[in-house]
Amino acid sequence: MRERALWVAAFTLALGLCAVAGEDEGFVPIFNGKDLTGWDGDPTFWSVRDGCIRGESTKEKPCKRNTFCIWRGNDAVKDGILKDFEMKVSFRIQNGNSGIQYRSQDCGNWVVRGYQAEVENAKGKVGFLYHEGGRGWLVNVGEKMVIHPDGKKEVVAKLGDKMELTKDYREKDWNHYRIVCRGNRIQHFLNGVQTIDLVDNQLNPIDLVKGRDEKKGALSGIFALQIHSGGPMVVEFKDIQLKLLAPEPEKK
């Protein structure tokens, strides 16, 4: 009887390990947990502490404009330009406002423009999609939206109530984003719950990296982390993992 119980326990553990391996299949870490190798940010504000990328502004060293820590790529993505991908990021913010940039344009001097997943201690708001330096607030939490070529926004369905979708958000504690970009479709998942779904038909050409029309979206671009201008703040990021996806036809 005891041997059978041990066998069942071992089998259950093996199944669990297989499930975890399946979930992480194809993902690779893009932050080594030790230093900012492969990353580029103003050292006044960005550092590595306790295995996390840490963004911090203080009264003595205020952040006067939004500044970003930019991922510069790896052997598979030499220029840091991502097209179709899935990204996992754990984050913790103590105060202030931050964001996770993707398919964005590097404007130099640690300035970035493009899509942003909101990072803020505010249920009902964290998880929405913002367009930094461009179209501004794009998709509210709970919306499934299509943006037409002329820029008109159409909410085609609701994913749920914004407060209900973000009820598991942990203020000043670790939370988890999963961002999926394939073709012109973008999805945010916060702590395993989908918060937005966007089909963007107002786009720049896929290979236009510099000189974009900032009032349009993008099918490719860089990945970066934000410190927002304003008062003192601290934000941390860890367990940053990337999975490259096969291209998919654009949706309408």
Protein backbone atom coordinates (compact mmCIF):
# COMPACT_ATOMS: atom_id res chain seq x y z
CA MET A 1 0.00 0.00 0.00
CA ARG A 2 2.84 2.33 0.94
CA GLU A 3 4.67 1.54 -2.32
CA ARG A 4 1.53 2.30 -4.32
CA ALA A 5 1.11 5.65 -2.52
CA LEU A 6 4.72 6.56 -3.27
CA TRP A 7 4.26 5.59 -6.93
CA VAL A 8 1.12 7.75 -7.22
CA ALA A 9 2.92 10.70 -5.62
CA ALA A 10 5.88 10.33 -7.97
CA PHE A 11 3.61 10.04 -11.00
CA THR A 12 1.66 13.15 -9.95
CA LEU A 13 4.90 15.09 -9.51
CA ALA A 14 6.11 13.98 -12.94
CA LEU A 15 2.88 15.16 -14.52
CA GLY A 16 3.27 18.52 -12.81
CA LEU A 17 6.84 18.90 -14.04
CA CYS A 18 5.77 18.01 -17.58
CA ALA A 19 3.03 20.65 -17.43
CA VAL A 20 5.50 23.32 -16.33
CA ALA A 21 7.95 22.30 -19.04
CA GLY A 22 5.15 22.47 -21.61
CA GLU A 23 4.14 25.94 -20.48
CA ASP A 24 7.70 27.25 -20.77
CA GLU A 25 8.55 25.46 -24.01
CA GLY A 26 10.16 27.81 -26.49
CA PHE A 27 10.75 30.63 -23.99
CA VAL A 28 14.25 31.96 -23.36
CA PRO A 29 15.34 34.43 -20.65
CA ILE A 30 16.54 37.81 -21.92
CA PHE A 31 17.73 39.10 -18.53
CA ASN A 32 20.49 37.20 -16.72
CA GLY A 33 19.48 38.30 -13.22
CA LYS A 34 22.98 39.63 -12.50
CA ASP A 35 23.65 42.74 -14.56
CA LEU A 36 22.37 44.78 -17.50
CA THR A 37 24.24 42.85 -20.18
CA GLY A 38 22.12 43.19 -23.33
CA TRP A 39 20.22 46.15 -21.90
CA ASP A 40 20.73 49.89 -22.32
CA GLY A 41 19.39 52.48 -19.89
CA ASP A 42 20.47 55.66 -18.13
CA PRO A 43 22.59 54.43 -15.17
CA THR A 44 21.26 57.35 -13.14
CA PHE A 45 17.97 55.46 -12.89
CA TRP A 46 18.55 51.83 -13.88
CA SER A 47 20.45 49.10 -12.01
CA VAL A 48 20.24 45.45 -10.98
CA ARG A 49 19.43 44.61 -7.38
CA ASP A 50 18.41 41.28 -5.83
CA GLY A 51 18.08 39.64 -9.23
CA CYS A 52 15.78 42.34 -10.63
CA ILE A 53 16.07 45.19 -13.10
CA ARG A 54 15.36 48.18 -10.87
CA GLY A 55 14.21 51.59 -12.05
CA GLU A 56 14.37 54.30 -9.40
CA SER A 57 14.06 58.07 -9.28
CA THR A 58 14.55 60.13 -6.11
CA LYS A 59 14.18 63.69 -4.88
CA GLU A 60 17.91 64.11 -5.36
CA LYS A 61 17.84 62.52 -8.82
CA PRO A 62 14.39 63.25 -10.29
CA CYS A 63 13.25 61.88 -13.63
CA LYS A 64 12.32 64.97 -15.65
CA ARG A 65 11.06 63.05 -18.69
CA ASN A 66 10.07 59.46 -19.33
CA THR A 67 13.16 57.30 -19.70
CA PHE A 68 13.57 53.68 -20.75
CA CYS A 69 15.82 50.67 -20.32
CA ILE A 70 16.01 49.11 -23.80
CA TRP A 71 16.69 45.48 -24.64
CA ARG A 72 19.33 45.38 -27.39
CA GLY A 73 18.81 41.79 -28.50
CA ASN A 74 20.57 38.42 -28.38
CA ASP A 75 21.95 35.87 -30.84
CA ALA A 76 18.47 35.16 -32.21
CA VAL A 77 17.39 38.82 -32.30
CA LYS A 78 20.61 40.66 -33.02
CA ASP A 79 19.16 44.15 -33.43
CA GLY A 80 16.53 43.85 -30.71
CA ILE A 81 13.73 44.29 -33.26
CA LEU A 82 10.85 41.94 -32.49
CA LYS A 83 8.00 41.10 -34.84
CA ASP A 84 5.76 38.22 -33.74
CA PHE A 85 6.44 37.10 -30.19
CA GLU A 86 5.17 36.24 -26.73
CA MET A 87 6.78 37.89 -23.69
CA LYS A 88 6.48 37.03 -19.99
CA VAL A 89 7.48 39.60 -17.37
CA SER A 90 7.10 39.74 -13.59
CA PHE A 91 6.90 43.25 -12.13
CA ARG A 92 6.52 45.07 -8.83
CA ILE A 93 5.92 48.81 -8.47
CA GLN A 94 6.00 50.69 -5.18
CA ASN A 95 4.69 54.03 -6.40
CA GLY A 96 4.44 56.16 -9.50
CA ASN A 97 3.76 54.98 -13.03
CA SER A 98 5.62 52.65 -15.38
CA GLY A 99 5.09 50.50 -18.43
CA ILE A 100 6.40 47.72 -20.64
CA GLN A 101 7.13 48.90 -24.18
CA TYR A 102 7.04 46.63 -27.21
CA ARG A 103 7.06 46.97 -31.00
CA SER A 104 8.38 50.45 -30.23
CA GLN A 105 10.66 52.96 -31.93
CA ASP A 106 14.03 53.91 -30.43
CA CYS A 107 14.19 57.70 -30.70
CA GLY A 108 17.65 58.01 -29.12
CA ASN A 109 18.81 59.19 -25.70
CA TRP A 110 16.69 56.48 -24.02
CA VAL A 111 13.45 57.84 -25.48
CA VAL A 112 10.97 55.28 -26.82
CA ARG A 113 7.67 55.58 -28.70
CA GLY A 114 5.11 52.83 -29.23
CA TYR A 115 2.81 50.29 -27.61
CA GLN A 116 2.90 50.06 -23.82
CA ALA A 117 1.41 47.68 -21.26
CA GLU A 118 0.46 49.78 -18.23
CA VAL A 119 2.21 49.19 -14.90
CA GLU A 120 0.53 50.98 -12.01
CA ASN A 121 -0.99 50.21 -8.60
CA ALA A 122 -4.54 50.76 -9.85
CA LYS A 123 -7.02 47.94 -10.35
CA GLY A 124 -9.17 48.48 -13.41
CA LYS A 125 -6.34 50.42 -15.05
CA VAL A 126 -3.28 48.20 -14.85
CA GLY A 127 -3.41 45.92 -17.90
CA PHE A 128 -4.63 48.49 -20.42
CA LEU A 129 -2.85 49.38 -23.68
CA TYR A 130 -1.28 52.81 -24.11
CA HIS A 131 0.54 54.26 -27.13
CA GLU A 132 3.54 56.15 -25.75
CA GLY A 133 4.31 59.31 -27.72
CA GLY A 134 1.58 58.54 -30.25
CA ARG A 135 -2.14 57.86 -30.06
CA GLY A 136 -2.28 57.91 -26.26
CA TRP A 137 -4.79 55.74 -24.42
CA LEU A 138 -5.78 52.96 -26.84
CA VAL A 139 -7.62 50.03 -25.26
CA ASN A 140 -9.28 49.98 -21.83
CA VAL A 141 -9.16 46.93 -19.61
CA GLY A 142 -11.98 44.61 -20.67
CA GLU A 143 -12.20 45.77 -24.29
CA LYS A 144 -11.82 43.80 -27.49
CA MET A 145 -11.13 46.49 -30.08
CA VAL A 146 -10.51 46.98 -33.79
CA ILE A 147 -8.74 50.14 -34.97
CA HIS A 148 -9.60 50.83 -38.61
CA PRO A 149 -7.12 52.21 -41.18
CA ASP A 150 -8.54 55.73 -40.72
CA GLY A 151 -7.91 55.52 -36.96
CA LYS A 152 -11.52 54.95 -35.93
CA LYS A 153 -11.78 52.77 -32.82
CA GLU A 154 -14.50 50.13 -32.59
CA VAL A 155 -15.12 48.08 -29.46
CA VAL A 156 -16.42 44.83 -30.94
CA ALA A 157 -16.84 42.87 -27.69
CA LYS A 158 -16.25 42.95 -23.95
CA LEU A 159 -13.89 40.61 -22.17
CA GLY A 160 -15.48 41.41 -18.83
CA ASP A 161 -15.71 44.04 -16.10
CA LYS A 162 -12.42 45.89 -15.65
CA MET A 163 -12.44 45.55 -11.86
CA GLU A 164 -13.28 41.86 -12.00
CA LEU A 165 -10.53 41.18 -14.57
CA THR A 166 -7.92 42.86 -12.36
CA LYS A 167 -9.19 41.70 -8.95
CA ASP A 168 -6.13 39.47 -8.43
CA TYR A 169 -3.68 42.34 -8.91
CA ARG A 170 -1.41 42.59 -5.86
CA GLU A 171 -0.53 46.17 -4.95
CA LYS A 172 3.17 46.76 -4.25
CA ASP A 173 3.81 43.04 -4.78
CA TRP A 174 4.83 40.81 -7.65
CA ASN A 175 2.45 40.49 -10.60
CA HIS A 176 2.84 38.86 -13.98
CA TYR A 177 2.30 40.08 -17.54
CA ARG A 178 2.07 37.97 -20.68
CA ILE A 179 2.06 39.98 -23.89
CA VAL A 180 1.28 38.31 -27.23
CA CYS A 181 1.88 40.03 -30.59
CA ARG A 182 1.14 38.15 -33.80
CA GLY A 183 0.47 39.99 -37.02
CA ASN A 184 -1.68 43.02 -36.24
CA ARG A 185 -3.25 41.41 -33.16
CA ILE A 186 -2.11 42.26 -29.61
CA GLN A 187 -3.22 40.65 -26.35
CA HIS A 188 -2.39 41.44 -22.71
CA PHE A 189 -2.76 38.91 -19.90
CA LEU A 190 -2.36 40.02 -16.26
CA ASN A 191 -1.85 37.27 -13.69
CA GLY A 192 -3.25 34.80 -16.21
CA VAL A 193 -6.37 36.82 -17.08
CA GLN A 194 -6.80 38.48 -20.48
CA THR A 195 -7.28 42.24 -20.09
CA ILE A 196 -7.25 43.57 -23.69
CA ASP A 197 -7.48 42.31 -27.27
CA LEU A 198 -6.60 44.63 -30.16
CA VAL A 199 -6.61 44.27 -33.94
CA ASP A 200 -4.76 47.35 -35.22
CA ASN A 201 -5.25 48.22 -38.90
CA GLN A 202 -3.71 51.71 -38.64
CA LEU A 203 -0.10 50.68 -39.19
CA ASN A 204 3.35 51.72 -40.31
CA PRO A 205 5.14 49.39 -42.79
CA ILE A 206 6.53 46.34 -40.98
CA ASP A 207 10.21 47.09 -41.68
CA LEU A 208 10.04 50.82 -40.96
CA VAL A 209 12.18 51.10 -37.81
CA LYS A 210 13.07 54.80 -37.90
CA GLY A 211 11.01 57.80 -38.98
CA ARG A 212 7.64 56.25 -38.23
CA ASP A 213 4.32 58.04 -38.25
CA GLU A 214 3.75 58.20 -34.49
CA LYS A 215 -0.03 58.28 -34.98
CA LYS A 216 0.11 54.74 -36.33
CA GLY A 217 0.88 51.36 -34.82
CA ALA A 218 3.64 48.94 -35.77
CA LEU A 219 4.25 45.32 -36.68
CA SER A 220 7.80 45.32 -35.31
CA GLY A 221 10.02 47.23 -32.91
CA ILE A 222 12.08 47.23 -29.75
CA PHE A 223 11.26 46.07 -26.22
CA ALA A 224 11.88 48.35 -23.22
CA LEU A 225 10.96 49.16 -19.62
CA GLN A 226 9.83 52.59 -18.42
CA ILE A 227 10.36 55.03 -15.58
CA HIS A 228 7.76 57.80 -15.78
CA SER A 229 8.63 61.41 -15.12
CA GLY A 230 7.42 62.99 -11.90
CA GLY A 231 7.94 62.24 -8.23
CA PRO A 232 10.21 59.60 -6.70
CA MET A 233 9.35 56.04 -7.70
CA VAL A 234 10.62 52.47 -7.69
CA VAL A 235 9.73 49.72 -10.16
CA GLU A 236 11.28 46.26 -10.54
CA PHE A 237 11.20 43.62 -13.28
CA LYS A 238 12.37 40.00 -13.31
CA ASP A 239 11.80 36.62 -15.00
CA ILE A 240 11.71 38.27 -18.43
CA GLN A 241 11.23 35.53 -21.03
CA LEU A 242 10.77 35.71 -24.79
CA LYS A 243 9.27 33.29 -27.27
CA LEU A 244 9.46 34.05 -30.99
CA LEU A 245 6.30 33.15 -32.92
CA ALA A 246 5.73 32.14 -36.53
CA PRO A 247 4.11 34.87 -38.65
CA GLU A 248 0.34 34.88 -38.99
CA PRO A 249 -1.84 36.59 -41.62
CA GLU A 250 -3.18 40.00 -40.60
CA LYS A 251 -6.69 40.13 -39.18
CA LYS A 252 -9.35 42.67 -40.12
